[in-house]
Amino acid sequence: MSEAPRTASTASRTDEPPRTLVGGVEVDVPNSIPAIRAALTPERRTEFDKDINAAGVDEIHAVMRHWMLEAVPDPEADAILARLARDEAERRGPA
């Protein structure tokens, strides 16, 4: 008797979210629309909703990956981006 092909409903699946390191600490990365929304600030949720709702079938994976990482707080990366923004503002001088 041959084995039935595995489908999404029969394939083995883990309910554990992916993990990443932030500041040397392992943290969960939200990987569903509700989990990503919950991890974002209210202002970012509005932008997330617009991006998700506008994504087509060929874009949805890239949009999800972008927002998964956006939802993970990274104080070190935020500090680097803030410093780069200050440096750029100083380079441009007064407006």
C-alpha atoms as a PDB file:
ATOM      1  CA  MET A   1       0.000   0.000   0.000  1.00  0.00           C
ATOM      2  CA  SER A   2       1.459   3.367  -0.957  1.00  0.00           C
ATOM      3  CA  GLU A   3       1.641   6.231   1.470  1.00  0.00           C
ATOM      4  CA  ALA A   4      -0.644   9.202   0.798  1.00  0.00           C
ATOM      5  CA  PRO A   5       1.132  12.409  -0.172  1.00  0.00           C
ATOM      6  CA  ARG A   6       1.686  14.850   2.648  1.00  0.00           C
ATOM      7  CA  THR A   7      -0.377  17.989   2.516  1.00  0.00           C
ATOM      8  CA  ALA A   8      -0.218  21.114   4.601  1.00  0.00           C
ATOM      9  CA  SER A   9      -2.721  19.599   7.001  1.00  0.00           C
ATOM     10  CA  THR A  10      -0.880  16.287   7.365  1.00  0.00           C
ATOM     11  CA  ALA A  11       2.737  17.498   7.225  1.00  0.00           C
ATOM     12  CA  SER A  12       4.577  17.646  10.521  1.00  0.00           C
ATOM     13  CA  ARG A  13       4.540  21.207  11.822  1.00  0.00           C
ATOM     14  CA  THR A  14       5.958  22.974  14.768  1.00  0.00           C
ATOM     15  CA  ASP A  15       3.996  25.634  16.578  1.00  0.00           C
ATOM     16  CA  GLU A  16       7.174  27.246  17.827  1.00  0.00           C
ATOM     17  CA  PRO A  17       7.980  30.594  16.209  1.00  0.00           C
ATOM     18  CA  PRO A  18      11.356  31.177  14.595  1.00  0.00           C
ATOM     19  CA  ARG A  19      13.967  32.702  16.893  1.00  0.00           C
ATOM     20  CA  THR A  20      16.763  35.245  16.458  1.00  0.00           C
ATOM     21  CA  LEU A  21      19.402  36.888  18.622  1.00  0.00           C
ATOM     22  CA  VAL A  22      18.929  40.463  19.775  1.00  0.00           C
ATOM     23  CA  GLY A  23      21.697  41.834  21.952  1.00  0.00           C
ATOM     24  CA  GLY A  24      22.911  38.303  22.603  1.00  0.00           C
ATOM     25  CA  VAL A  25      19.467  37.177  23.822  1.00  0.00           C
ATOM     26  CA  GLU A  26      17.366  34.701  21.867  1.00  0.00           C
ATOM     27  CA  VAL A  27      13.895  36.114  21.107  1.00  0.00           C
ATOM     28  CA  ASP A  28      10.819  34.833  19.275  1.00  0.00           C
ATOM     29  CA  VAL A  29      10.102  36.260  15.824  1.00  0.00           C
ATOM     30  CA  PRO A  30       6.371  36.662  15.209  1.00  0.00           C
ATOM     31  CA  ASN A  31       5.432  34.694  12.101  1.00  0.00           C
ATOM     32  CA  SER A  32       1.706  35.152  11.588  1.00  0.00           C
ATOM     33  CA  ILE A  33      -0.330  38.224  10.716  1.00  0.00           C
ATOM     34  CA  PRO A  34      -1.958  38.410  14.185  1.00  0.00           C
ATOM     35  CA  ALA A  35       1.386  37.883  15.966  1.00  0.00           C
ATOM     36  CA  ILE A  36       3.132  40.547  13.892  1.00  0.00           C
ATOM     37  CA  ARG A  37       0.268  43.021  14.437  1.00  0.00           C
ATOM     38  CA  ALA A  38       0.393  42.401  18.195  1.00  0.00           C
ATOM     39  CA  ALA A  39       4.148  43.094  18.308  1.00  0.00           C
ATOM     40  CA  LEU A  40       3.898  46.459  16.519  1.00  0.00           C
ATOM     41  CA  THR A  41       3.074  49.886  17.905  1.00  0.00           C
ATOM     42  CA  PRO A  42      -0.375  51.208  16.940  1.00  0.00           C
ATOM     43  CA  GLU A  43       1.200  53.564  14.393  1.00  0.00           C
ATOM     44  CA  ARG A  44       3.161  50.757  12.743  1.00  0.00           C
ATOM     45  CA  ARG A  45       0.093  48.472  12.748  1.00  0.00           C
ATOM     46  CA  THR A  46      -1.674  50.878  10.401  1.00  0.00           C
ATOM     47  CA  GLU A  47       1.236  50.749   7.956  1.00  0.00           C
ATOM     48  CA  PHE A  48       1.484  46.959   8.336  1.00  0.00           C
ATOM     49  CA  ASP A  49      -2.229  46.556   7.581  1.00  0.00           C
ATOM     50  CA  LYS A  50      -1.879  48.679   4.423  1.00  0.00           C
ATOM     51  CA  ASP A  51       1.137  46.666   3.232  1.00  0.00           C
ATOM     52  CA  ILE A  52      -0.446  43.273   3.957  1.00  0.00           C
ATOM     53  CA  ASN A  53      -3.743  44.209   2.344  1.00  0.00           C
ATOM     54  CA  ALA A  54      -1.997  45.561  -0.765  1.00  0.00           C
ATOM     55  CA  ALA A  55       0.316  42.560  -1.214  1.00  0.00           C
ATOM     56  CA  GLY A  56      -0.415  40.234  -4.089  1.00  0.00           C
ATOM     57  CA  VAL A  57       0.253  36.521  -4.135  1.00  0.00           C
ATOM     58  CA  ASP A  58       3.762  37.080  -5.520  1.00  0.00           C
ATOM     59  CA  GLU A  59       4.615  39.681  -2.865  1.00  0.00           C
ATOM     60  CA  ILE A  60       3.078  38.374   0.345  1.00  0.00           C
ATOM     61  CA  HIS A  61       6.115  36.363   1.478  1.00  0.00           C
ATOM     62  CA  ALA A  62       8.468  39.336   1.103  1.00  0.00           C
ATOM     63  CA  VAL A  63       6.016  41.624   2.900  1.00  0.00           C
ATOM     64  CA  MET A  64       5.645  39.123   5.741  1.00  0.00           C
ATOM     65  CA  ARG A  65       9.433  38.700   6.076  1.00  0.00           C
ATOM     66  CA  HIS A  66       9.924  42.473   6.185  1.00  0.00           C
ATOM     67  CA  TRP A  67       7.322  42.949   8.921  1.00  0.00           C
ATOM     68  CA  MET A  68       8.458  39.879  10.906  1.00  0.00           C
ATOM     69  CA  LEU A  69      11.829  41.556  11.373  1.00  0.00           C
ATOM     70  CA  GLU A  70      10.264  44.973  11.908  1.00  0.00           C
ATOM     71  CA  ALA A  71       8.251  43.514  14.805  1.00  0.00           C
ATOM     72  CA  VAL A  72      11.365  42.319  16.671  1.00  0.00           C
ATOM     73  CA  PRO A  73      12.770  45.142  18.798  1.00  0.00           C
ATOM     74  CA  ASP A  74      16.521  45.618  18.348  1.00  0.00           C
ATOM     75  CA  PRO A  75      17.843  48.498  20.484  1.00  0.00           C
ATOM     76  CA  GLU A  76      21.345  48.176  19.008  1.00  0.00           C
ATOM     77  CA  ALA A  77      20.060  48.517  15.432  1.00  0.00           C
ATOM     78  CA  ASP A  78      17.784  51.390  16.460  1.00  0.00           C
ATOM     79  CA  ALA A  79      20.736  53.218  18.029  1.00  0.00           C
ATOM     80  CA  ILE A  80      22.808  52.757  14.853  1.00  0.00           C
ATOM     81  CA  LEU A  81      19.980  54.060  12.665  1.00  0.00           C
ATOM     82  CA  ALA A  82      19.461  57.063  14.965  1.00  0.00           C
ATOM     83  CA  ARG A  83      23.182  57.867  14.848  1.00  0.00           C
ATOM     84  CA  LEU A  84      23.231  57.595  11.050  1.00  0.00           C
ATOM     85  CA  ALA A  85      20.210  59.917  10.834  1.00  0.00           C
ATOM     86  CA  ARG A  86      21.940  62.468  13.116  1.00  0.00           C
ATOM     87  CA  ASP A  87      25.145  62.238  11.067  1.00  0.00           C
ATOM     88  CA  GLU A  88      23.193  62.777   7.851  1.00  0.00           C
ATOM     89  CA  ALA A  89      21.351  65.780   9.345  1.00  0.00           C
ATOM     90  CA  GLU A  90      24.653  67.313  10.462  1.00  0.00           C
ATOM     91  CA  ARG A  91      26.186  66.705   7.051  1.00  0.00           C
ATOM     92  CA  ARG A  92      23.292  68.466   5.323  1.00  0.00           C
ATOM     93  CA  GLY A  93      23.407  71.384   7.752  1.00  0.00           C
ATOM     94  CA  PRO A  94      20.516  73.722   8.622  1.00  0.00           C
ATOM     95  CA  ALA A  95      17.545  73.534   6.304  1.00  0.00           C
END
